All heavy atoms as atom14 arrays in JSON, in Angstrom:
{
  "sequence": "VTVFLIQRTLEQNATKIILPFQTIAPKLPNEVDIRVRI",
  "atom14_mask": [
    [1, 1, 1, 1, 1, 1, 1, 0, 0, 0, 0, 0, 0, 0],
    [1, 1, 1, 1, 1, 1, 1, 0, 0, 0, 0, 0, 0, 0],
    [1, 1, 1, 1, 1, 1, 1, 0, 0, 0, 0, 0, 0, 0],
    [1, 1, 1, 1, 1, 1, 1, 1, 1, 1, 1, 0, 0, 0],
    [1, 1, 1, 1, 1, 1, 1, 1, 0, 0, 0, 0, 0, 0],
    [1, 1, 1, 1, 1, 1, 1, 1, 0, 0, 0, 0, 0, 0],
    [1, 1, 1, 1, 1, 1, 1, 1, 1, 0, 0, 0, 0, 0],
    [1, 1, 1, 1, 1, 1, 1, 1, 1, 1, 1, 0, 0, 0],
    [1, 1, 1, 1, 1, 1, 1, 0, 0, 0, 0, 0, 0, 0],
    [1, 1, 1, 1, 1, 1, 1, 1, 0, 0, 0, 0, 0, 0],
    [1, 1, 1, 1, 1, 1, 1, 1, 1, 0, 0, 0, 0, 0],
    [1, 1, 1, 1, 1, 1, 1, 1, 1, 0, 0, 0, 0, 0],
    [1, 1, 1, 1, 1, 1, 1, 1, 0, 0, 0, 0, 0, 0],
    [1, 1, 1, 1, 1, 0, 0, 0, 0, 0, 0, 0, 0, 0],
    [1, 1, 1, 1, 1, 1, 1, 0, 0, 0, 0, 0, 0, 0],
    [1, 1, 1, 1, 1, 1, 1, 1, 1, 0, 0, 0, 0, 0],
    [1, 1, 1, 1, 1, 1, 1, 1, 0, 0, 0, 0, 0, 0],
    [1, 1, 1, 1, 1, 1, 1, 1, 0, 0, 0, 0, 0, 0],
    [1, 1, 1, 1, 1, 1, 1, 1, 0, 0, 0, 0, 0, 0],
    [1, 1, 1, 1, 1, 1, 1, 0, 0, 0, 0, 0, 0, 0],
    [1, 1, 1, 1, 1, 1, 1, 1, 1, 1, 1, 0, 0, 0],
    [1, 1, 1, 1, 1, 1, 1, 1, 1, 0, 0, 0, 0, 0],
    [1, 1, 1, 1, 1, 1, 1, 0, 0, 0, 0, 0, 0, 0],
    [1, 1, 1, 1, 1, 1, 1, 1, 0, 0, 0, 0, 0, 0],
    [1, 1, 1, 1, 1, 0, 0, 0, 0, 0, 0, 0, 0, 0],
    [1, 1, 1, 1, 1, 1, 1, 0, 0, 0, 0, 0, 0, 0],
    [1, 1, 1, 1, 1, 1, 1, 1, 1, 0, 0, 0, 0, 0],
    [1, 1, 1, 1, 1, 1, 1, 1, 0, 0, 0, 0, 0, 0],
    [1, 1, 1, 1, 1, 1, 1, 0, 0, 0, 0, 0, 0, 0],
    [1, 1, 1, 1, 1, 1, 1, 1, 0, 0, 0, 0, 0, 0],
    [1, 1, 1, 1, 1, 1, 1, 1, 1, 0, 0, 0, 0, 0],
    [1, 1, 1, 1, 1, 1, 1, 0, 0, 0, 0, 0, 0, 0],
    [1, 1, 1, 1, 1, 1, 1, 1, 0, 0, 0, 0, 0, 0],
    [1, 1, 1, 1, 1, 1, 1, 1, 0, 0, 0, 0, 0, 0],
    [1, 1, 1, 1, 1, 1, 1, 1, 1, 1, 1, 0, 0, 0],
    [1, 1, 1, 1, 1, 1, 1, 0, 0, 0, 0, 0, 0, 0],
    [1, 1, 1, 1, 1, 1, 1, 1, 1, 1, 1, 0, 0, 0],
    [1, 1, 1, 1, 1, 1, 1, 1, 0, 0, 0, 0, 0, 0]
  ],
  "atom14_positions": [
    [[-17.79, 6.58, 3.03], [-16.36, 6.4, 3.26], [-15.64, 6.41, 1.91], [-16.27, 6.4, 0.85], [-16.08, 5.07, 3.99], [-16.75, 5.06, 5.37], [-16.55, 3.88, 3.15], [0.0, 0.0, 0.0], [0.0, 0.0, 0.0], [0.0, 0.0, 0.0], [0.0, 0.0, 0.0], [0.0, 0.0, 0.0], [0.0, 0.0, 0.0], [0.0, 0.0, 0.0]],
    [[-14.32, 6.43, 1.97], [-13.51, 6.48, 0.75], [-12.85, 5.13, 0.51], [-12.31, 4.53, 1.43], [-12.43, 7.56, 0.85], [-13.06, 8.82, 1.05], [-11.58, 7.61, -0.41], [0.0, 0.0, 0.0], [0.0, 0.0, 0.0], [0.0, 0.0, 0.0], [0.0, 0.0, 0.0], [0.0, 0.0, 0.0], [0.0, 0.0, 0.0], [0.0, 0.0, 0.0]],
    [[-12.92, 4.65, -0.73], [-12.27, 3.39, -1.1], [-11.36, 3.63, -2.3], [-11.52, 4.6, -3.05], [-13.3, 2.29, -1.44], [-14.15, 1.97, -0.22], [-14.18, 2.7, -2.62], [0.0, 0.0, 0.0], [0.0, 0.0, 0.0], [0.0, 0.0, 0.0], [0.0, 0.0, 0.0], [0.0, 0.0, 0.0], [0.0, 0.0, 0.0], [0.0, 0.0, 0.0]],
    [[-10.41, 2.73, -2.48], [-9.53, 2.84, -3.64], [-8.92, 1.49, -3.98], [-8.88, 0.57, -3.16], [-8.41, 3.86, -3.4], [-7.43, 3.48, -2.31], [-6.32, 2.68, -2.56], [-7.63, 3.93, -1.01], [-5.43, 2.35, -1.57], [-6.74, 3.61, 0.0], [-5.64, 2.82, -0.28], [0.0, 0.0, 0.0], [0.0, 0.0, 0.0], [0.0, 0.0, 0.0]],
    [[-8.49, 1.36, -5.21], [-7.75, 0.19, -5.69], [-6.66, 0.69, -6.62], [-6.96, 1.35, -7.62], [-8.66, -0.79, -6.43], [-7.95, -1.93, -7.17], [-7.26, -2.86, -6.18], [-8.93, -2.71, -8.05], [0.0, 0.0, 0.0], [0.0, 0.0, 0.0], [0.0, 0.0, 0.0], [0.0, 0.0, 0.0], [0.0, 0.0, 0.0], [0.0, 0.0, 0.0]],
    [[-5.41, 0.4, -6.28], [-4.26, 0.8, -7.1], [-3.43, -0.44, -7.38], [-3.0, -1.13, -6.45], [-3.41, 1.87, -6.37], [-4.24, 3.13, -6.1], [-2.17, 2.21, -7.2], [-3.54, 4.16, -5.26], [0.0, 0.0, 0.0], [0.0, 0.0, 0.0], [0.0, 0.0, 0.0], [0.0, 0.0, 0.0], [0.0, 0.0, 0.0], [0.0, 0.0, 0.0]],
    [[-3.19, -0.72, -8.64], [-2.46, -1.93, -9.02], [-1.14, -1.58, -9.67], [-1.05, -0.68, -10.51], [-3.32, -2.79, -9.96], [-4.58, -3.32, -9.28], [-5.44, -4.15, -10.2], [-5.67, -3.77, -11.36], [-5.93, -5.28, -9.72], [0.0, 0.0, 0.0], [0.0, 0.0, 0.0], [0.0, 0.0, 0.0], [0.0, 0.0, 0.0], [0.0, 0.0, 0.0]],
    [[-0.11, -2.31, -9.26], [1.24, -2.11, -9.8], [1.89, -3.48, -10.01], [1.7, -4.39, -9.21], [2.1, -1.28, -8.85], [1.58, 0.13, -8.56], [1.78, 1.05, -9.75], [1.39, 2.42, -9.44], [0.2, 2.95, -9.7], [-0.73, 2.22, -10.3], [-0.08, 4.21, -9.39], [0.0, 0.0, 0.0], [0.0, 0.0, 0.0], [0.0, 0.0, 0.0]],
    [[2.68, -3.6, -11.07], [3.42, -4.84, -11.34], [4.9, -4.63, -11.03], [5.34, -3.51, -10.72], [3.26, -5.24, -12.82], [3.86, -4.24, -13.64], [1.79, -5.42, -13.18], [0.0, 0.0, 0.0], [0.0, 0.0, 0.0], [0.0, 0.0, 0.0], [0.0, 0.0, 0.0], [0.0, 0.0, 0.0], [0.0, 0.0, 0.0], [0.0, 0.0, 0.0]],
    [[5.65, -5.7, -11.15], [7.1, -5.59, -10.92], [7.72, -4.57, -11.87], [8.66, -3.86, -11.5], [7.76, -6.95, -11.12], [7.37, -8.07, -10.15], [8.23, -9.31, -10.4], [7.49, -7.61, -8.7], [0.0, 0.0, 0.0], [0.0, 0.0, 0.0], [0.0, 0.0, 0.0], [0.0, 0.0, 0.0], [0.0, 0.0, 0.0], [0.0, 0.0, 0.0]],
    [[7.19, -4.52, -13.08], [7.72, -3.58, -14.07], [7.31, -2.13, -13.76], [7.81, -1.19, -14.4], [7.23, -3.97, -15.47], [7.76, -5.31, -15.97], [7.1, -6.52, -15.32], [5.99, -6.36, -14.77], [7.7, -7.62, -15.35], [0.0, 0.0, 0.0], [0.0, 0.0, 0.0], [0.0, 0.0, 0.0], [0.0, 0.0, 0.0], [0.0, 0.0, 0.0]],
    [[6.39, -1.96, -12.81], [5.94, -0.61, -12.42], [6.41, -0.27, -11.01], [5.72, 0.4, -10.26], [4.41, -0.55, -12.49], [3.85, -0.74, -13.9], [2.33, -0.87, -13.91], [1.76, -1.61, -13.11], [1.69, -0.15, -14.8], [0.0, 0.0, 0.0], [0.0, 0.0, 0.0], [0.0, 0.0, 0.0], [0.0, 0.0, 0.0], [0.0, 0.0, 0.0]],
    [[7.6, -0.75, -10.69], [8.26, -0.42, -9.42], [7.52, -0.92, -8.18], [7.5, -0.26, -7.13], [8.48, 1.1, -9.3], [9.47, 1.61, -10.32], [10.47, 0.94, -10.62], [9.2, 2.77, -10.89], [0.0, 0.0, 0.0], [0.0, 0.0, 0.0], [0.0, 0.0, 0.0], [0.0, 0.0, 0.0], [0.0, 0.0, 0.0], [0.0, 0.0, 0.0]],
    [[6.91, -2.1, -8.27], [6.19, -2.67, -7.13], [7.1, -2.85, -5.92], [6.69, -2.61, -4.78], [5.57, -4.0, -7.52], [0.0, 0.0, 0.0], [0.0, 0.0, 0.0], [0.0, 0.0, 0.0], [0.0, 0.0, 0.0], [0.0, 0.0, 0.0], [0.0, 0.0, 0.0], [0.0, 0.0, 0.0], [0.0, 0.0, 0.0], [0.0, 0.0, 0.0]],
    [[8.34, -3.23, -6.17], [9.26, -3.46, -5.05], [9.52, -2.16, -4.29], [9.57, -2.16, -3.05], [10.59, -4.03, -5.57], [10.34, -5.25, -6.28], [11.55, -4.31, -4.42], [0.0, 0.0, 0.0], [0.0, 0.0, 0.0], [0.0, 0.0, 0.0], [0.0, 0.0, 0.0], [0.0, 0.0, 0.0], [0.0, 0.0, 0.0], [0.0, 0.0, 0.0]],
    [[9.67, -1.07, -5.01], [9.95, 0.23, -4.37], [8.75, 0.74, -3.57], [8.91, 1.63, -2.72], [10.36, 1.25, -5.42], [11.63, 0.88, -6.18], [12.82, 0.67, -5.23], [14.07, 0.31, -6.01], [15.23, 0.05, -5.1], [0.0, 0.0, 0.0], [0.0, 0.0, 0.0], [0.0, 0.0, 0.0], [0.0, 0.0, 0.0], [0.0, 0.0, 0.0]],
    [[7.56, 0.19, -3.85], [6.38, 0.57, -3.08], [6.27, -0.29, -1.82], [6.0, 0.23, -0.73], [5.09, 0.43, -3.93], [5.19, 1.26, -5.2], [3.87, 0.83, -3.11], [4.03, 1.01, -6.17], [0.0, 0.0, 0.0], [0.0, 0.0, 0.0], [0.0, 0.0, 0.0], [0.0, 0.0, 0.0], [0.0, 0.0, 0.0], [0.0, 0.0, 0.0]],
    [[6.49, -1.57, -1.97], [6.25, -2.47, -0.84], [7.28, -2.3, 0.27], [6.99, -2.56, 1.44], [6.22, -3.96, -1.33], [5.47, -4.84, -0.33], [7.61, -4.49, -1.56], [4.0, -4.55, -0.22], [0.0, 0.0, 0.0], [0.0, 0.0, 0.0], [0.0, 0.0, 0.0], [0.0, 0.0, 0.0], [0.0, 0.0, 0.0], [0.0, 0.0, 0.0]],
    [[8.48, -1.85, -0.07], [9.5, -1.68, 0.96], [9.09, -0.64, 2.01], [9.06, -0.94, 3.21], [10.84, -1.33, 0.32], [11.5, -2.48, -0.46], [12.75, -1.99, -1.19], [11.86, -3.63, 0.47], [0.0, 0.0, 0.0], [0.0, 0.0, 0.0], [0.0, 0.0, 0.0], [0.0, 0.0, 0.0], [0.0, 0.0, 0.0], [0.0, 0.0, 0.0]],
    [[8.73, 0.6, 1.64], [8.27, 1.56, 2.66], [6.88, 1.21, 3.2], [6.55, 1.55, 4.35], [8.28, 2.89, 1.93], [8.11, 2.54, 0.49], [8.84, 1.24, 0.31], [0.0, 0.0, 0.0], [0.0, 0.0, 0.0], [0.0, 0.0, 0.0], [0.0, 0.0, 0.0], [0.0, 0.0, 0.0], [0.0, 0.0, 0.0], [0.0, 0.0, 0.0]],
    [[6.06, 0.58, 2.38], [4.71, 0.22, 2.81], [4.73, -0.57, 4.12], [3.86, -0.39, 4.99], [4.03, -0.61, 1.71], [2.73, -1.25, 2.11], [1.54, -0.55, 1.97], [2.69, -2.54, 2.61], [0.33, -1.13, 2.34], [1.48, -3.13, 2.98], [0.31, -2.42, 2.84], [0.0, 0.0, 0.0], [0.0, 0.0, 0.0], [0.0, 0.0, 0.0]],
    [[5.71, -1.44, 4.29], [5.75, -2.34, 5.45], [5.79, -1.59, 6.78], [5.22, -2.06, 7.77], [6.98, -3.25, 5.36], [6.97, -4.19, 4.17], [8.24, -5.01, 4.15], [8.36, -6.05, 4.82], [9.24, -4.55, 3.39], [0.0, 0.0, 0.0], [0.0, 0.0, 0.0], [0.0, 0.0, 0.0], [0.0, 0.0, 0.0], [0.0, 0.0, 0.0]],
    [[6.44, -0.45, 6.82], [6.56, 0.3, 8.08], [5.65, 1.52, 8.13], [5.28, 1.97, 9.22], [8.01, 0.75, 8.3], [8.47, 1.46, 7.13], [8.91, -0.45, 8.55], [0.0, 0.0, 0.0], [0.0, 0.0, 0.0], [0.0, 0.0, 0.0], [0.0, 0.0, 0.0], [0.0, 0.0, 0.0], [0.0, 0.0, 0.0], [0.0, 0.0, 0.0]],
    [[5.27, 2.05, 6.98], [4.43, 3.25, 6.96], [2.96, 2.89, 7.2], [2.26, 3.57, 7.97], [4.59, 4.0, 5.64], [6.01, 4.6, 5.54], [3.54, 5.1, 5.49], [6.33, 5.22, 4.2], [0.0, 0.0, 0.0], [0.0, 0.0, 0.0], [0.0, 0.0, 0.0], [0.0, 0.0, 0.0], [0.0, 0.0, 0.0], [0.0, 0.0, 0.0]],
    [[2.46, 1.84, 6.56], [1.04, 1.49, 6.67], [0.6, 1.27, 8.12], [-0.49, 1.72, 8.51], [0.73, 0.26, 5.82], [0.0, 0.0, 0.0], [0.0, 0.0, 0.0], [0.0, 0.0, 0.0], [0.0, 0.0, 0.0], [0.0, 0.0, 0.0], [0.0, 0.0, 0.0], [0.0, 0.0, 0.0], [0.0, 0.0, 0.0], [0.0, 0.0, 0.0]],
    [[1.4, 0.6, 8.98], [0.96, 0.42, 10.37], [0.93, 1.71, 11.18], [0.36, 1.72, 12.28], [2.01, -0.56, 10.94], [2.62, -1.22, 9.75], [2.62, -0.17, 8.68], [0.0, 0.0, 0.0], [0.0, 0.0, 0.0], [0.0, 0.0, 0.0], [0.0, 0.0, 0.0], [0.0, 0.0, 0.0], [0.0, 0.0, 0.0], [0.0, 0.0, 0.0]],
    [[1.55, 2.77, 10.68], [1.61, 4.02, 11.43], [0.67, 5.09, 10.89], [0.65, 6.21, 11.4], [3.05, 4.55, 11.42], [4.04, 3.64, 12.15], [5.44, 4.21, 12.11], [6.43, 3.3, 12.84], [7.82, 3.84, 12.79], [0.0, 0.0, 0.0], [0.0, 0.0, 0.0], [0.0, 0.0, 0.0], [0.0, 0.0, 0.0], [0.0, 0.0, 0.0]],
    [[-0.09, 4.76, 9.87], [-1.06, 5.71, 9.35], [-2.17, 5.95, 10.38], [-2.33, 5.17, 11.32], [-1.66, 5.18, 8.05], [-0.71, 5.11, 6.85], [-1.38, 4.39, 5.69], [-0.25, 6.5, 6.43], [0.0, 0.0, 0.0], [0.0, 0.0, 0.0], [0.0, 0.0, 0.0], [0.0, 0.0, 0.0], [0.0, 0.0, 0.0], [0.0, 0.0, 0.0]],
    [[-2.94, 7.02, 10.25], [-4.05, 7.24, 11.18], [-4.95, 6.02, 11.28], [-5.11, 5.27, 10.3], [-4.79, 8.44, 10.56], [-3.72, 9.18, 9.83], [-2.8, 8.13, 9.28], [0.0, 0.0, 0.0], [0.0, 0.0, 0.0], [0.0, 0.0, 0.0], [0.0, 0.0, 0.0], [0.0, 0.0, 0.0], [0.0, 0.0, 0.0], [0.0, 0.0, 0.0]],
    [[-5.55, 5.83, 12.44], [-6.35, 4.63, 12.7], [-7.52, 4.46, 11.74], [-8.03, 3.36, 11.56], [-6.88, 4.66, 14.13], [-5.79, 4.62, 15.17], [-4.61, 4.56, 14.83], [-6.16, 4.64, 16.43], [0.0, 0.0, 0.0], [0.0, 0.0, 0.0], [0.0, 0.0, 0.0], [0.0, 0.0, 0.0], [0.0, 0.0, 0.0], [0.0, 0.0, 0.0]],
    [[-7.94, 5.55, 11.12], [-9.09, 5.5, 10.21], [-8.74, 4.91, 8.85], [-9.62, 4.69, 8.02], [-9.67, 6.91, 10.01], [-10.32, 7.51, 11.24], [-9.31, 8.02, 12.27], [-8.11, 8.16, 11.91], [-9.72, 8.28, 13.41], [0.0, 0.0, 0.0], [0.0, 0.0, 0.0], [0.0, 0.0, 0.0], [0.0, 0.0, 0.0], [0.0, 0.0, 0.0]],
    [[-7.46, 4.64, 8.61], [-7.02, 4.15, 7.31], [-6.78, 2.64, 7.35], [-6.02, 2.13, 8.18], [-5.72, 4.84, 6.86], [-5.26, 4.3, 5.5], [-5.91, 6.35, 6.79], [0.0, 0.0, 0.0], [0.0, 0.0, 0.0], [0.0, 0.0, 0.0], [0.0, 0.0, 0.0], [0.0, 0.0, 0.0], [0.0, 0.0, 0.0], [0.0, 0.0, 0.0]],
    [[-7.45, 1.92, 6.46], [-7.17, 0.5, 6.23], [-6.6, 0.38, 4.83], [-7.22, 0.81, 3.85], [-8.43, -0.34, 6.35], [-8.24, -1.73, 5.74], [-7.21, -2.36, 6.04], [-9.11, -2.2, 4.96], [0.0, 0.0, 0.0], [0.0, 0.0, 0.0], [0.0, 0.0, 0.0], [0.0, 0.0, 0.0], [0.0, 0.0, 0.0], [0.0, 0.0, 0.0]],
    [[-5.41, -0.17, 4.72], [-4.82, -0.39, 3.4], [-4.13, -1.76, 3.44], [-3.34, -2.04, 4.33], [-3.83, 0.73, 3.02], [-3.19, 0.44, 1.65], [-2.79, 0.96, 4.09], [-2.39, 1.62, 1.11], [0.0, 0.0, 0.0], [0.0, 0.0, 0.0], [0.0, 0.0, 0.0], [0.0, 0.0, 0.0], [0.0, 0.0, 0.0], [0.0, 0.0, 0.0]],
    [[-4.52, -2.62, 2.51], [-3.93, -3.95, 2.39], [-3.33, -4.1, 1.0], [-3.65, -3.33, 0.09], [-4.98, -5.04, 2.6], [-5.59, -5.08, 4.0], [-6.71, -6.11, 4.04], [-7.83, -5.71, 3.19], [-8.72, -6.57, 2.69], [-8.6, -7.87, 2.92], [-9.72, -6.15, 1.94], [0.0, 0.0, 0.0], [0.0, 0.0, 0.0], [0.0, 0.0, 0.0]],
    [[-2.49, -5.1, 0.85], [-1.96, -5.37, -0.48], [-2.13, -6.86, -0.8], [-1.75, -7.72, -0.02], [-0.48, -4.94, -0.61], [0.41, -5.62, 0.42], [0.03, -5.22, -2.02], [0.0, 0.0, 0.0], [0.0, 0.0, 0.0], [0.0, 0.0, 0.0], [0.0, 0.0, 0.0], [0.0, 0.0, 0.0], [0.0, 0.0, 0.0], [0.0, 0.0, 0.0]],
    [[-2.73, -7.11, -1.92], [-2.94, -8.47, -2.43], [-1.9, -8.72, -3.51], [-1.84, -7.99, -4.5], [-4.35, -8.61, -2.99], [-4.7, -10.0, -3.52], [-6.14, -9.98, -4.02], [-6.61, -11.31, -4.4], [-6.54, -11.8, -5.63], [-6.0, -11.06, -6.59], [-7.02, -12.99, -5.9], [0.0, 0.0, 0.0], [0.0, 0.0, 0.0], [0.0, 0.0, 0.0]],
    [[-1.1, -9.74, -3.33], [0.02, -10.03, -4.23], [-0.3, -11.33, -4.98], [-0.59, -12.35, -4.35], [1.33, -10.18, -3.44], [1.55, -8.95, -2.54], [2.5, -10.38, -4.38], [2.63, -9.14, -1.5], [0.0, 0.0, 0.0], [0.0, 0.0, 0.0], [0.0, 0.0, 0.0], [0.0, 0.0, 0.0], [0.0, 0.0, 0.0], [0.0, 0.0, 0.0]]
  ]
}
């Protein structure tokens, strides 16, 4: 399987990522698990 880890801080536009993430992540194909640790 494929795994990944991508880290971003507030200074690296974290807010601009988390805003669309909230609605896009639940609609991705069922085979995709993506979580965010803050």
